[in-house]
Amino acid sequence: MKINRLLPLFALSMLSACVVPTGPVEVTRFNRAAEGVTYGSGSYFVELAPDSAVGGGLVASPYLSAVSREMQRVGYTEKSISPYIVAEVRIGVANYQPERRSPVSVGVGGSTGSYGSGVGLGVGINLGGGPKAQVETTLDVRIVRRSDNLVIFEGKAVQAAKAGSPAAQPGIAASKLAAALFQGFPGKSGETIRVP
């Protein structure tokens, strides 16, 4: 009987141990804190920018949700009618193949000394294949003050992951990119940081 009650807890602990490894995120942010603009209060609305590389619908949904969660976490209140600020979200996804190196390398070495001389030749063969295809995901957020259309924050987060890996999936990538972008919000203007 006790075992039956402990099984769900054991299952939950096993799930929490399954953390998806994701690569580092490079974040660059600009803000107007030095000009006296305050952050983290007021109402907001999140929308997909019309010039976003990724269109709307289900593809953009995880990114918009992730940005909205982070906006709330830093103190803003969601409001769809007459919000104080609007967060314009742009999403970019690019697939690329890293530069391939020759799978065969040849090295020559030689030595001379008081006991003789020698020449050596070494050949190395890479059996692991070439580099895997990569997916680079970009999340760009521009926060605009509605009263005067002033951009008060602009940030960009970029992450590369192996194609087909969990880290390249939109839901996981969206959460990681948004969390990195809003870490220490609004951040130091003009600084680029690397978030592990």
N, C-alpha and C. Protein backbone atom coordinates (compact mmCIF):
# COMPACT_ATOMS: atom_id res chain seq x y z
N MET A 1 0.82 -1.20 0.00
CA MET A 1 0.00 0.00 0.00
C MET A 1 0.87 1.27 0.00
N LYS A 2 1.95 1.24 0.82
CA LYS A 2 2.84 2.39 0.87
C LYS A 2 3.54 2.59 -0.47
N ILE A 3 3.88 1.48 -1.12
CA ILE A 3 4.58 1.55 -2.40
C ILE A 3 3.71 2.22 -3.44
N ASN A 4 2.41 1.93 -3.45
CA ASN A 4 1.50 2.54 -4.41
C ASN A 4 1.44 4.06 -4.25
N ARG A 5 1.58 4.54 -3.02
CA ARG A 5 1.55 5.99 -2.80
C ARG A 5 2.86 6.65 -3.19
N LEU A 6 3.95 5.91 -3.11
CA LEU A 6 5.26 6.47 -3.41
C LEU A 6 5.58 6.47 -4.90
N LEU A 7 4.91 5.62 -5.67
CA LEU A 7 5.19 5.53 -7.11
C LEU A 7 4.99 6.85 -7.85
N PRO A 8 3.89 7.58 -7.62
CA PRO A 8 3.75 8.87 -8.32
C PRO A 8 4.85 9.87 -7.96
N LEU A 9 5.27 9.88 -6.70
CA LEU A 9 6.33 10.79 -6.29
C LEU A 9 7.65 10.41 -6.95
N PHE A 10 7.90 9.11 -7.04
CA PHE A 10 9.12 8.64 -7.70
C PHE A 10 9.11 9.04 -9.18
N ALA A 11 7.95 8.87 -9.83
CA ALA A 11 7.84 9.23 -11.25
C ALA A 11 8.10 10.72 -11.46
N LEU A 12 7.56 11.56 -10.58
CA LEU A 12 7.79 13.01 -10.69
C LEU A 12 9.25 13.36 -10.50
N SER A 13 9.91 12.69 -9.55
CA SER A 13 11.32 12.99 -9.33
C SER A 13 12.16 12.58 -10.52
N MET A 14 11.78 11.51 -11.20
CA MET A 14 12.51 11.08 -12.38
C MET A 14 12.31 12.07 -13.53
N LEU A 15 11.10 12.61 -13.66
CA LEU A 15 10.85 13.60 -14.71
C LEU A 15 11.65 14.87 -14.48
N SER A 16 11.76 15.29 -13.22
CA SER A 16 12.50 16.52 -12.95
C SER A 16 13.98 16.34 -13.22
N ALA A 17 14.46 15.09 -13.20
CA ALA A 17 15.87 14.85 -13.49
C ALA A 17 16.16 14.88 -14.98
N CYS A 18 15.12 14.82 -15.80
CA CYS A 18 15.30 14.83 -17.26
C CYS A 18 15.38 16.26 -17.76
N VAL A 19 16.52 16.85 -17.62
CA VAL A 19 16.72 18.23 -18.07
C VAL A 19 17.32 18.19 -19.47
N VAL A 20 16.73 18.94 -20.36
CA VAL A 20 17.22 18.98 -21.73
C VAL A 20 18.43 19.91 -21.80
N PRO A 21 19.58 19.38 -22.22
CA PRO A 21 20.75 20.25 -22.33
C PRO A 21 20.58 21.21 -23.51
N THR A 22 20.82 22.47 -23.26
CA THR A 22 20.74 23.47 -24.33
C THR A 22 22.05 24.24 -24.36
N GLY A 23 22.37 24.74 -25.51
CA GLY A 23 23.61 25.48 -25.67
C GLY A 23 23.50 26.88 -25.08
N PRO A 24 24.62 27.58 -25.03
CA PRO A 24 24.60 28.95 -24.50
C PRO A 24 23.85 29.90 -25.43
N VAL A 25 23.35 30.96 -24.84
CA VAL A 25 22.60 31.97 -25.59
C VAL A 25 23.39 33.27 -25.53
N GLU A 26 23.56 33.90 -26.69
CA GLU A 26 24.23 35.20 -26.75
C GLU A 26 23.16 36.28 -26.79
N VAL A 27 23.24 37.22 -25.84
CA VAL A 27 22.21 38.24 -25.68
C VAL A 27 22.83 39.63 -25.79
N THR A 28 22.22 40.49 -26.59
CA THR A 28 22.60 41.90 -26.69
C THR A 28 21.35 42.74 -26.42
N ARG A 29 21.48 43.74 -25.54
CA ARG A 29 20.32 44.57 -25.17
C ARG A 29 20.67 46.05 -25.16
N PHE A 30 19.64 46.84 -25.48
CA PHE A 30 19.75 48.30 -25.42
C PHE A 30 18.52 48.81 -24.66
N ASN A 31 18.73 49.81 -23.81
CA ASN A 31 17.59 50.38 -23.08
C ASN A 31 17.82 51.87 -22.84
N ARG A 32 16.83 52.51 -22.24
CA ARG A 32 16.90 53.95 -21.99
C ARG A 32 16.87 54.25 -20.48
N ALA A 33 17.40 53.33 -19.68
CA ALA A 33 17.42 53.54 -18.23
C ALA A 33 18.22 54.79 -17.87
N ALA A 34 19.29 55.07 -18.61
CA ALA A 34 20.12 56.25 -18.33
C ALA A 34 19.36 57.55 -18.59
N GLU A 35 18.28 57.45 -19.39
CA GLU A 35 17.47 58.65 -19.69
C GLU A 35 16.30 58.78 -18.72
N GLY A 36 16.24 57.92 -17.71
CA GLY A 36 15.19 58.02 -16.71
C GLY A 36 13.95 57.17 -16.98
N VAL A 37 13.97 56.35 -18.02
CA VAL A 37 12.83 55.47 -18.30
C VAL A 37 12.80 54.37 -17.25
N THR A 38 11.63 54.14 -16.66
CA THR A 38 11.49 53.08 -15.65
C THR A 38 10.97 51.81 -16.31
N TYR A 39 11.36 50.69 -15.74
CA TYR A 39 11.00 49.38 -16.29
C TYR A 39 10.32 48.53 -15.23
N GLY A 40 9.48 47.60 -15.68
CA GLY A 40 8.88 46.63 -14.78
C GLY A 40 7.57 47.05 -14.15
N SER A 41 6.92 48.07 -14.70
CA SER A 41 5.60 48.45 -14.19
C SER A 41 4.73 48.90 -15.35
N GLY A 42 3.43 48.74 -15.19
CA GLY A 42 2.50 49.13 -16.24
C GLY A 42 1.97 47.91 -16.97
N SER A 43 1.10 48.17 -17.93
CA SER A 43 0.47 47.09 -18.67
C SER A 43 1.17 46.88 -20.00
N TYR A 44 1.03 45.67 -20.52
CA TYR A 44 1.71 45.35 -21.78
C TYR A 44 0.83 44.45 -22.64
N PHE A 45 1.23 44.36 -23.89
CA PHE A 45 0.64 43.43 -24.84
C PHE A 45 1.76 42.92 -25.73
N VAL A 46 1.75 41.62 -26.03
CA VAL A 46 2.77 41.02 -26.87
C VAL A 46 2.18 40.73 -28.24
N GLU A 47 2.91 41.12 -29.29
CA GLU A 47 2.45 40.84 -30.65
C GLU A 47 3.63 40.45 -31.54
N LEU A 48 3.33 39.69 -32.57
CA LEU A 48 4.34 39.30 -33.54
C LEU A 48 4.52 40.45 -34.51
N ALA A 49 5.76 40.89 -34.69
CA ALA A 49 6.04 41.99 -35.62
C ALA A 49 5.76 41.53 -37.05
N PRO A 50 5.21 42.42 -37.87
CA PRO A 50 4.86 42.03 -39.24
C PRO A 50 6.05 41.58 -40.08
N ASP A 51 7.25 42.05 -39.74
CA ASP A 51 8.42 41.67 -40.53
C ASP A 51 9.19 40.49 -39.93
N SER A 52 8.55 39.74 -39.03
CA SER A 52 9.21 38.58 -38.44
C SER A 52 9.43 37.51 -39.50
N ALA A 53 10.61 36.86 -39.45
CA ALA A 53 10.94 35.83 -40.44
C ALA A 53 10.02 34.62 -40.30
N VAL A 54 9.58 34.35 -39.08
CA VAL A 54 8.65 33.24 -38.84
C VAL A 54 7.26 33.82 -38.75
N GLY A 55 6.34 33.26 -39.51
CA GLY A 55 4.97 33.76 -39.53
C GLY A 55 4.21 33.44 -38.25
N GLY A 56 2.96 33.86 -38.19
CA GLY A 56 2.14 33.66 -37.01
C GLY A 56 1.67 32.23 -36.85
N GLY A 57 0.64 32.07 -36.06
CA GLY A 57 0.05 30.76 -35.85
C GLY A 57 0.81 29.93 -34.83
N LEU A 58 0.76 28.62 -35.01
CA LEU A 58 1.35 27.70 -34.04
C LEU A 58 2.87 27.82 -33.95
N VAL A 59 3.52 28.22 -35.03
CA VAL A 59 4.98 28.33 -35.01
C VAL A 59 5.42 29.44 -34.06
N ALA A 60 4.73 30.56 -34.07
CA ALA A 60 5.11 31.70 -33.24
C ALA A 60 4.60 31.60 -31.80
N SER A 61 3.58 30.79 -31.59
CA SER A 61 2.92 30.71 -30.29
C SER A 61 3.86 30.47 -29.11
N PRO A 62 4.81 29.50 -29.18
CA PRO A 62 5.69 29.29 -28.02
C PRO A 62 6.55 30.52 -27.69
N TYR A 63 6.95 31.25 -28.71
CA TYR A 63 7.79 32.43 -28.50
C TYR A 63 7.00 33.57 -27.87
N LEU A 64 5.79 33.79 -28.36
CA LEU A 64 4.95 34.85 -27.80
C LEU A 64 4.60 34.53 -26.34
N SER A 65 4.29 33.27 -26.06
CA SER A 65 3.97 32.86 -24.69
C SER A 65 5.18 33.02 -23.77
N ALA A 66 6.35 32.64 -24.25
CA ALA A 66 7.57 32.74 -23.43
C ALA A 66 7.89 34.20 -23.11
N VAL A 67 7.75 35.09 -24.09
CA VAL A 67 7.99 36.51 -23.85
C VAL A 67 6.97 37.06 -22.86
N SER A 68 5.72 36.66 -23.01
CA SER A 68 4.67 37.12 -22.10
C SER A 68 4.95 36.69 -20.66
N ARG A 69 5.38 35.44 -20.48
CA ARG A 69 5.73 34.96 -19.13
C ARG A 69 6.85 35.80 -18.52
N GLU A 70 7.86 36.09 -19.34
CA GLU A 70 9.00 36.87 -18.83
C GLU A 70 8.59 38.31 -18.51
N MET A 71 7.70 38.88 -19.33
CA MET A 71 7.21 40.24 -19.05
C MET A 71 6.50 40.28 -17.70
N GLN A 72 5.70 39.27 -17.43
CA GLN A 72 5.00 39.20 -16.14
C GLN A 72 5.99 38.99 -14.99
N ARG A 73 7.00 38.17 -15.24
CA ARG A 73 7.99 37.89 -14.20
C ARG A 73 8.74 39.14 -13.77
N VAL A 74 8.99 40.07 -14.71
CA VAL A 74 9.73 41.29 -14.37
C VAL A 74 8.82 42.42 -13.90
N GLY A 75 7.51 42.15 -13.79
CA GLY A 75 6.62 43.13 -13.15
C GLY A 75 5.53 43.75 -13.98
N TYR A 76 5.44 43.43 -15.27
CA TYR A 76 4.39 44.01 -16.10
C TYR A 76 3.09 43.22 -15.95
N THR A 77 1.97 43.86 -16.29
CA THR A 77 0.66 43.23 -16.22
C THR A 77 0.07 43.15 -17.62
N GLU A 78 -0.40 41.96 -17.99
CA GLU A 78 -0.94 41.78 -19.33
C GLU A 78 -2.29 42.47 -19.48
N LYS A 79 -2.44 43.20 -20.59
CA LYS A 79 -3.68 43.93 -20.86
C LYS A 79 -3.79 44.11 -22.38
N SER A 80 -4.84 43.59 -22.97
CA SER A 80 -4.95 43.65 -24.43
C SER A 80 -5.56 44.96 -24.94
N ILE A 81 -6.29 45.66 -24.08
CA ILE A 81 -6.91 46.92 -24.51
C ILE A 81 -6.15 48.07 -23.88
N SER A 82 -5.69 48.99 -24.71
CA SER A 82 -4.94 50.18 -24.30
C SER A 82 -3.78 49.87 -23.35
N PRO A 83 -2.85 49.00 -23.75
CA PRO A 83 -1.71 48.73 -22.88
C PRO A 83 -0.74 49.91 -22.87
N TYR A 84 0.06 50.02 -21.82
CA TYR A 84 1.05 51.07 -21.68
C TYR A 84 2.19 50.87 -22.68
N ILE A 85 2.61 49.60 -22.83
CA ILE A 85 3.68 49.28 -23.78
C ILE A 85 3.29 48.07 -24.62
N VAL A 86 3.94 47.95 -25.76
CA VAL A 86 3.74 46.80 -26.65
C VAL A 86 5.09 46.15 -26.88
N ALA A 87 5.14 44.82 -26.70
CA ALA A 87 6.36 44.07 -26.97
C ALA A 87 6.23 43.46 -28.36
N GLU A 88 7.02 43.96 -29.29
CA GLU A 88 7.02 43.44 -30.66
C GLU A 88 8.06 42.32 -30.75
N VAL A 89 7.62 41.14 -31.16
CA VAL A 89 8.48 39.97 -31.19
C VAL A 89 8.82 39.59 -32.63
N ARG A 90 10.09 39.38 -32.88
CA ARG A 90 10.56 38.88 -34.18
C ARG A 90 11.29 37.57 -33.94
N ILE A 91 11.01 36.60 -34.78
CA ILE A 91 11.61 35.28 -34.63
C ILE A 91 12.31 34.92 -35.93
N GLY A 92 13.50 34.39 -35.80
CA GLY A 92 14.24 33.93 -36.98
C GLY A 92 14.79 32.54 -36.73
N VAL A 93 14.66 31.68 -37.71
CA VAL A 93 15.21 30.32 -37.62
C VAL A 93 15.99 30.06 -38.90
N ALA A 94 17.26 29.72 -38.75
CA ALA A 94 18.11 29.46 -39.92
C ALA A 94 18.80 28.11 -39.74
N ASN A 95 18.78 27.31 -40.79
CA ASN A 95 19.49 26.03 -40.80
C ASN A 95 20.78 26.22 -41.57
N TYR A 96 21.87 25.66 -41.04
CA TYR A 96 23.13 25.75 -41.76
C TYR A 96 24.00 24.54 -41.45
N GLN A 97 24.93 24.30 -42.32
CA GLN A 97 25.88 23.20 -42.18
C GLN A 97 27.23 23.81 -41.83
N PRO A 98 27.79 23.49 -40.65
CA PRO A 98 29.11 24.03 -40.32
C PRO A 98 30.15 23.58 -41.33
N GLU A 99 31.23 24.34 -41.41
CA GLU A 99 32.29 24.04 -42.37
C GLU A 99 32.86 22.65 -42.12
N ARG A 100 32.96 21.88 -43.19
CA ARG A 100 33.48 20.51 -43.06
C ARG A 100 35.00 20.53 -43.19
N ARG A 101 35.64 19.73 -42.36
CA ARG A 101 37.09 19.57 -42.46
C ARG A 101 37.38 18.23 -43.11
N SER A 102 38.55 18.11 -43.67
CA SER A 102 38.95 16.86 -44.31
C SER A 102 39.00 15.75 -43.28
N PRO A 103 38.43 14.58 -43.58
CA PRO A 103 38.44 13.49 -42.60
C PRO A 103 39.81 12.84 -42.44
N VAL A 104 40.75 13.16 -43.33
CA VAL A 104 42.09 12.58 -43.25
C VAL A 104 43.09 13.70 -43.04
N SER A 105 43.99 13.52 -42.04
CA SER A 105 45.04 14.50 -41.83
C SER A 105 46.38 13.79 -41.79
N VAL A 106 47.38 14.43 -42.32
CA VAL A 106 48.72 13.85 -42.39
C VAL A 106 49.68 14.78 -41.68
N GLY A 107 50.54 14.20 -40.83
CA GLY A 107 51.53 14.99 -40.12
C GLY A 107 52.91 14.40 -40.32
N VAL A 108 53.91 15.24 -40.49
CA VAL A 108 55.29 14.80 -40.67
C VAL A 108 56.12 15.45 -39.58
N GLY A 109 57.02 14.65 -38.97
CA GLY A 109 57.88 15.20 -37.93
C GLY A 109 59.26 14.61 -38.05
N GLY A 110 60.24 15.31 -37.55
CA GLY A 110 61.60 14.80 -37.60
C GLY A 110 62.39 15.28 -36.42
N SER A 111 63.51 14.58 -36.13
CA SER A 111 64.36 15.01 -35.03
C SER A 111 65.80 14.65 -35.33
N THR A 112 66.72 15.42 -34.80
CA THR A 112 68.14 15.10 -34.91
C THR A 112 68.75 15.26 -33.54
N GLY A 113 69.79 14.53 -33.29
CA GLY A 113 70.42 14.61 -31.98
C GLY A 113 71.76 13.90 -32.00
N SER A 114 72.40 13.83 -30.84
CA SER A 114 73.72 13.21 -30.76
C SER A 114 73.67 11.71 -30.96
N TYR A 115 72.53 11.08 -30.78
CA TYR A 115 72.43 9.63 -30.94
C TYR A 115 71.79 9.23 -32.26
N GLY A 116 71.57 10.13 -33.13
CA GLY A 116 71.01 9.77 -34.43
C GLY A 116 69.90 10.73 -34.82
N SER A 117 69.24 10.39 -35.88
CA SER A 117 68.15 11.22 -36.35
C SER A 117 67.01 10.32 -36.77
N GLY A 118 65.82 10.92 -36.90
CA GLY A 118 64.67 10.13 -37.31
C GLY A 118 63.62 11.00 -37.96
N VAL A 119 62.82 10.37 -38.79
CA VAL A 119 61.72 11.05 -39.45
C VAL A 119 60.47 10.22 -39.20
N GLY A 120 59.38 10.87 -38.84
CA GLY A 120 58.13 10.15 -38.59
C GLY A 120 57.01 10.70 -39.43
N LEU A 121 56.09 9.84 -39.76
CA LEU A 121 54.93 10.23 -40.55
C LEU A 121 53.69 9.70 -39.84
N GLY A 122 52.72 10.57 -39.60
CA GLY A 122 51.49 10.15 -38.93
C GLY A 122 50.29 10.47 -39.79
N VAL A 123 49.35 9.55 -39.83
CA VAL A 123 48.12 9.75 -40.58
C VAL A 123 46.95 9.59 -39.61
N GLY A 124 46.07 10.58 -39.56
CA GLY A 124 44.88 10.49 -38.71
C GLY A 124 43.62 10.47 -39.56
N ILE A 125 42.72 9.58 -39.21
CA ILE A 125 41.46 9.47 -39.96
C ILE A 125 40.30 9.70 -38.99
N ASN A 126 39.45 10.64 -39.31
CA ASN A 126 38.28 10.94 -38.50
C ASN A 126 37.13 10.04 -38.93
N LEU A 127 36.79 9.09 -38.07
CA LEU A 127 35.72 8.15 -38.39
C LEU A 127 34.36 8.64 -37.91
N GLY A 128 34.34 9.77 -37.23
CA GLY A 128 33.08 10.27 -36.66
C GLY A 128 32.20 11.00 -37.65
N GLY A 129 32.64 11.16 -38.88
CA GLY A 129 31.82 11.90 -39.86
C GLY A 129 32.01 13.40 -39.69
N GLY A 130 31.33 14.14 -40.52
CA GLY A 130 31.45 15.59 -40.50
C GLY A 130 30.58 16.22 -39.43
N PRO A 131 30.65 17.52 -39.31
CA PRO A 131 29.83 18.22 -38.33
C PRO A 131 28.35 18.12 -38.67
N LYS A 132 27.54 18.08 -37.63
CA LYS A 132 26.09 17.95 -37.79
C LYS A 132 25.47 19.29 -38.20
N ALA A 133 24.35 19.21 -38.89
CA ALA A 133 23.62 20.43 -39.27
C ALA A 133 23.17 21.16 -38.01
N GLN A 134 23.17 22.47 -38.08
CA GLN A 134 22.82 23.31 -36.93
C GLN A 134 21.56 24.12 -37.24
N VAL A 135 20.84 24.46 -36.18
CA VAL A 135 19.69 25.36 -36.27
C VAL A 135 20.01 26.57 -35.40
N GLU A 136 20.00 27.75 -36.00
CA GLU A 136 20.23 28.97 -35.23
C GLU A 136 18.89 29.69 -35.07
N THR A 137 18.50 29.87 -33.82
CA THR A 137 17.22 30.51 -33.53
C THR A 137 17.48 31.89 -32.91
N THR A 138 16.78 32.89 -33.42
CA THR A 138 16.93 34.26 -32.94
C THR A 138 15.60 34.77 -32.42
N LEU A 139 15.63 35.36 -31.23
CA LEU A 139 14.46 36.02 -30.65
C LEU A 139 14.81 37.48 -30.45
N ASP A 140 14.07 38.35 -31.12
CA ASP A 140 14.31 39.79 -31.06
C ASP A 140 13.05 40.43 -30.47
N VAL A 141 13.21 41.16 -29.38
CA VAL A 141 12.06 41.82 -28.73
C VAL A 141 12.31 43.32 -28.67
N ARG A 142 11.35 44.06 -29.16
CA ARG A 142 11.40 45.53 -29.11
C ARG A 142 10.20 46.00 -28.29
N ILE A 143 10.45 46.71 -27.20
CA ILE A 143 9.37 47.21 -26.35
C ILE A 143 9.16 48.68 -26.67
N VAL A 144 7.93 48.99 -27.08
CA VAL A 144 7.58 50.34 -27.53
C VAL A 144 6.56 50.96 -26.57
N ARG A 145 6.84 52.20 -26.15
CA ARG A 145 5.89 52.93 -25.31
C ARG A 145 4.78 53.47 -26.19
N ARG A 146 3.55 53.14 -25.86
CA ARG A 146 2.41 53.50 -26.70
C ARG A 146 2.16 55.00 -26.81
N SER A 147 2.40 55.74 -25.74
CA SER A 147 2.04 57.17 -25.73
C SER A 147 2.79 57.97 -26.78
N ASP A 148 4.05 57.62 -27.05
CA ASP A 148 4.84 58.40 -28.02
C ASP A 148 5.60 57.53 -29.02
N ASN A 149 5.29 56.23 -29.07
CA ASN A 149 5.95 55.28 -29.97
C ASN A 149 7.47 55.24 -29.80
N LEU A 150 7.93 55.49 -28.59
CA LEU A 150 9.35 55.47 -28.29
C LEU A 150 9.78 54.04 -27.97
N VAL A 151 10.83 53.56 -28.64
CA VAL A 151 11.38 52.24 -28.32
C VAL A 151 12.19 52.39 -27.03
N ILE A 152 11.73 51.73 -25.96
CA ILE A 152 12.41 51.86 -24.66
C ILE A 152 13.31 50.67 -24.34
N PHE A 153 13.19 49.60 -25.12
CA PHE A 153 14.05 48.42 -24.93
C PHE A 153 14.13 47.66 -26.24
N GLU A 154 15.32 47.19 -26.55
CA GLU A 154 15.49 46.30 -27.69
C GLU A 154 16.53 45.27 -27.34
N GLY A 155 16.18 44.02 -27.52
CA GLY A 155 17.10 42.96 -27.17
C GLY A 155 17.04 41.83 -28.18
N LYS A 156 18.17 41.15 -28.31
CA LYS A 156 18.26 40.04 -29.26
C LYS A 156 18.97 38.88 -28.58
N ALA A 157 18.38 37.70 -28.66
CA ALA A 157 18.97 36.48 -28.10
C ALA A 157 19.14 35.46 -29.22
N VAL A 158 20.32 34.84 -29.29
CA VAL A 158 20.63 33.89 -30.37
C VAL A 158 21.18 32.61 -29.76
N GLN A 159 20.67 31.49 -30.26
CA GLN A 159 21.18 30.19 -29.80
C GLN A 159 21.32 29.24 -30.98
N ALA A 160 22.41 28.48 -31.00
CA ALA A 160 22.61 27.45 -32.02
C ALA A 160 22.49 26.09 -31.36
N ALA A 161 21.86 25.14 -32.05
CA ALA A 161 21.69 23.78 -31.54
C ALA A 161 21.76 22.81 -32.71
N LYS A 162 22.08 21.57 -32.43
CA LYS A 162 22.12 20.55 -33.47
C LYS A 162 20.71 20.32 -34.00
N ALA A 163 20.59 20.24 -35.30
CA ALA A 163 19.29 19.99 -35.93
C ALA A 163 18.74 18.67 -35.41
N GLY A 164 17.46 18.67 -35.04
CA GLY A 164 16.81 17.46 -34.56
C GLY A 164 16.97 17.23 -33.07
N SER A 165 17.82 18.01 -32.40
CA SER A 165 18.01 17.83 -30.96
C SER A 165 16.85 18.51 -30.21
N PRO A 166 16.61 18.10 -28.95
CA PRO A 166 15.54 18.75 -28.18
C PRO A 166 15.73 20.27 -28.07
N ALA A 167 16.99 20.72 -27.97
CA ALA A 167 17.26 22.15 -27.83
C ALA A 167 16.85 22.95 -29.05
N ALA A 168 16.69 22.29 -30.21
CA ALA A 168 16.28 22.97 -31.44
C ALA A 168 14.77 23.01 -31.59
N GLN A 169 14.04 22.36 -30.69
CA GLN A 169 12.58 22.36 -30.77
C GLN A 169 12.03 23.73 -30.33
N PRO A 170 11.02 24.24 -31.03
CA PRO A 170 10.53 25.60 -30.74
C PRO A 170 10.15 25.86 -29.29
N GLY A 171 9.46 24.94 -28.63
CA GLY A 171 9.04 25.17 -27.25
C GLY A 171 10.20 25.35 -26.30
N ILE A 172 11.21 24.49 -26.43
CA ILE A 172 12.38 24.55 -25.56
C ILE A 172 13.23 25.77 -25.90
N ALA A 173 13.45 26.00 -27.19
CA ALA A 173 14.26 27.15 -27.62
C ALA A 173 13.61 28.46 -27.19
N ALA A 174 12.29 28.55 -27.32
CA ALA A 174 11.57 29.79 -26.97
C ALA A 174 11.76 30.13 -25.50
N SER A 175 11.58 29.15 -24.63
CA SER A 175 11.72 29.39 -23.19
C SER A 175 13.14 29.81 -22.84
N LYS A 176 14.12 29.12 -23.40
CA LYS A 176 15.51 29.42 -23.10
C LYS A 176 15.90 30.81 -23.59
N LEU A 177 15.50 31.15 -24.81
CA LEU A 177 15.85 32.45 -25.38
C LEU A 177 15.19 33.60 -24.60
N ALA A 178 13.90 33.44 -24.28
CA ALA A 178 13.20 34.51 -23.55
C ALA A 178 13.77 34.69 -22.15
N ALA A 179 14.06 33.58 -21.45
CA ALA A 179 14.63 33.68 -20.11
C ALA A 179 15.99 34.37 -20.14
N ALA A 180 16.81 34.04 -21.15
CA ALA A 180 18.13 34.67 -21.27
C ALA A 180 18.00 36.15 -21.59
N LEU A 181 17.06 36.49 -22.48
CA LEU A 181 16.88 37.88 -22.89
C LEU A 181 16.43 38.77 -21.73
N PHE A 182 15.59 38.22 -20.84
CA PHE A 182 15.06 39.02 -19.74
C PHE A 182 15.82 38.82 -18.43
N GLN A 183 16.94 38.11 -18.48
CA GLN A 183 17.74 37.91 -17.27
C GLN A 183 18.35 39.26 -16.86
N GLY A 184 18.09 39.66 -15.62
CA GLY A 184 18.60 40.95 -15.13
C GLY A 184 18.00 42.13 -15.86
N PHE A 185 16.77 42.00 -16.35
CA PHE A 185 16.09 43.03 -17.14
C PHE A 185 16.11 44.38 -16.44
N PRO A 186 16.36 45.50 -17.13
CA PRO A 186 16.59 45.61 -18.56
C PRO A 186 18.04 45.37 -18.99
N GLY A 187 18.93 45.14 -18.03
CA GLY A 187 20.33 44.88 -18.35
C GLY A 187 21.12 46.14 -18.61
N LYS A 188 22.41 45.97 -18.86
CA LYS A 188 23.28 47.11 -19.16
C LYS A 188 23.19 47.40 -20.65
N SER A 189 22.82 48.63 -20.98
CA SER A 189 22.60 49.00 -22.38
C SER A 189 23.87 48.87 -23.21
N GLY A 190 23.74 48.19 -24.35
CA GLY A 190 24.85 48.03 -25.27
C GLY A 190 25.75 46.85 -24.97
N GLU A 191 25.49 46.15 -23.87
CA GLU A 191 26.35 45.03 -23.49
C GLU A 191 25.87 43.71 -24.12
N THR A 192 26.82 42.89 -24.51
CA THR A 192 26.51 41.55 -25.00
C THR A 192 26.96 40.57 -23.94
N ILE A 193 26.04 39.69 -23.52
CA ILE A 193 26.37 38.69 -22.51
C ILE A 193 26.13 37.30 -23.08
N ARG A 194 26.74 36.32 -22.44
CA ARG A 194 26.57 34.92 -22.83
C ARG A 194 25.92 34.21 -21.66
N VAL A 195 24.74 33.67 -21.87
CA VAL A 195 24.00 32.99 -20.81
C VAL A 195 24.10 31.48 -21.04
N PRO A 196 24.68 30.73 -20.06
CA PRO A 196 24.83 29.28 -20.27
C PRO A 196 23.50 28.54 -20.30
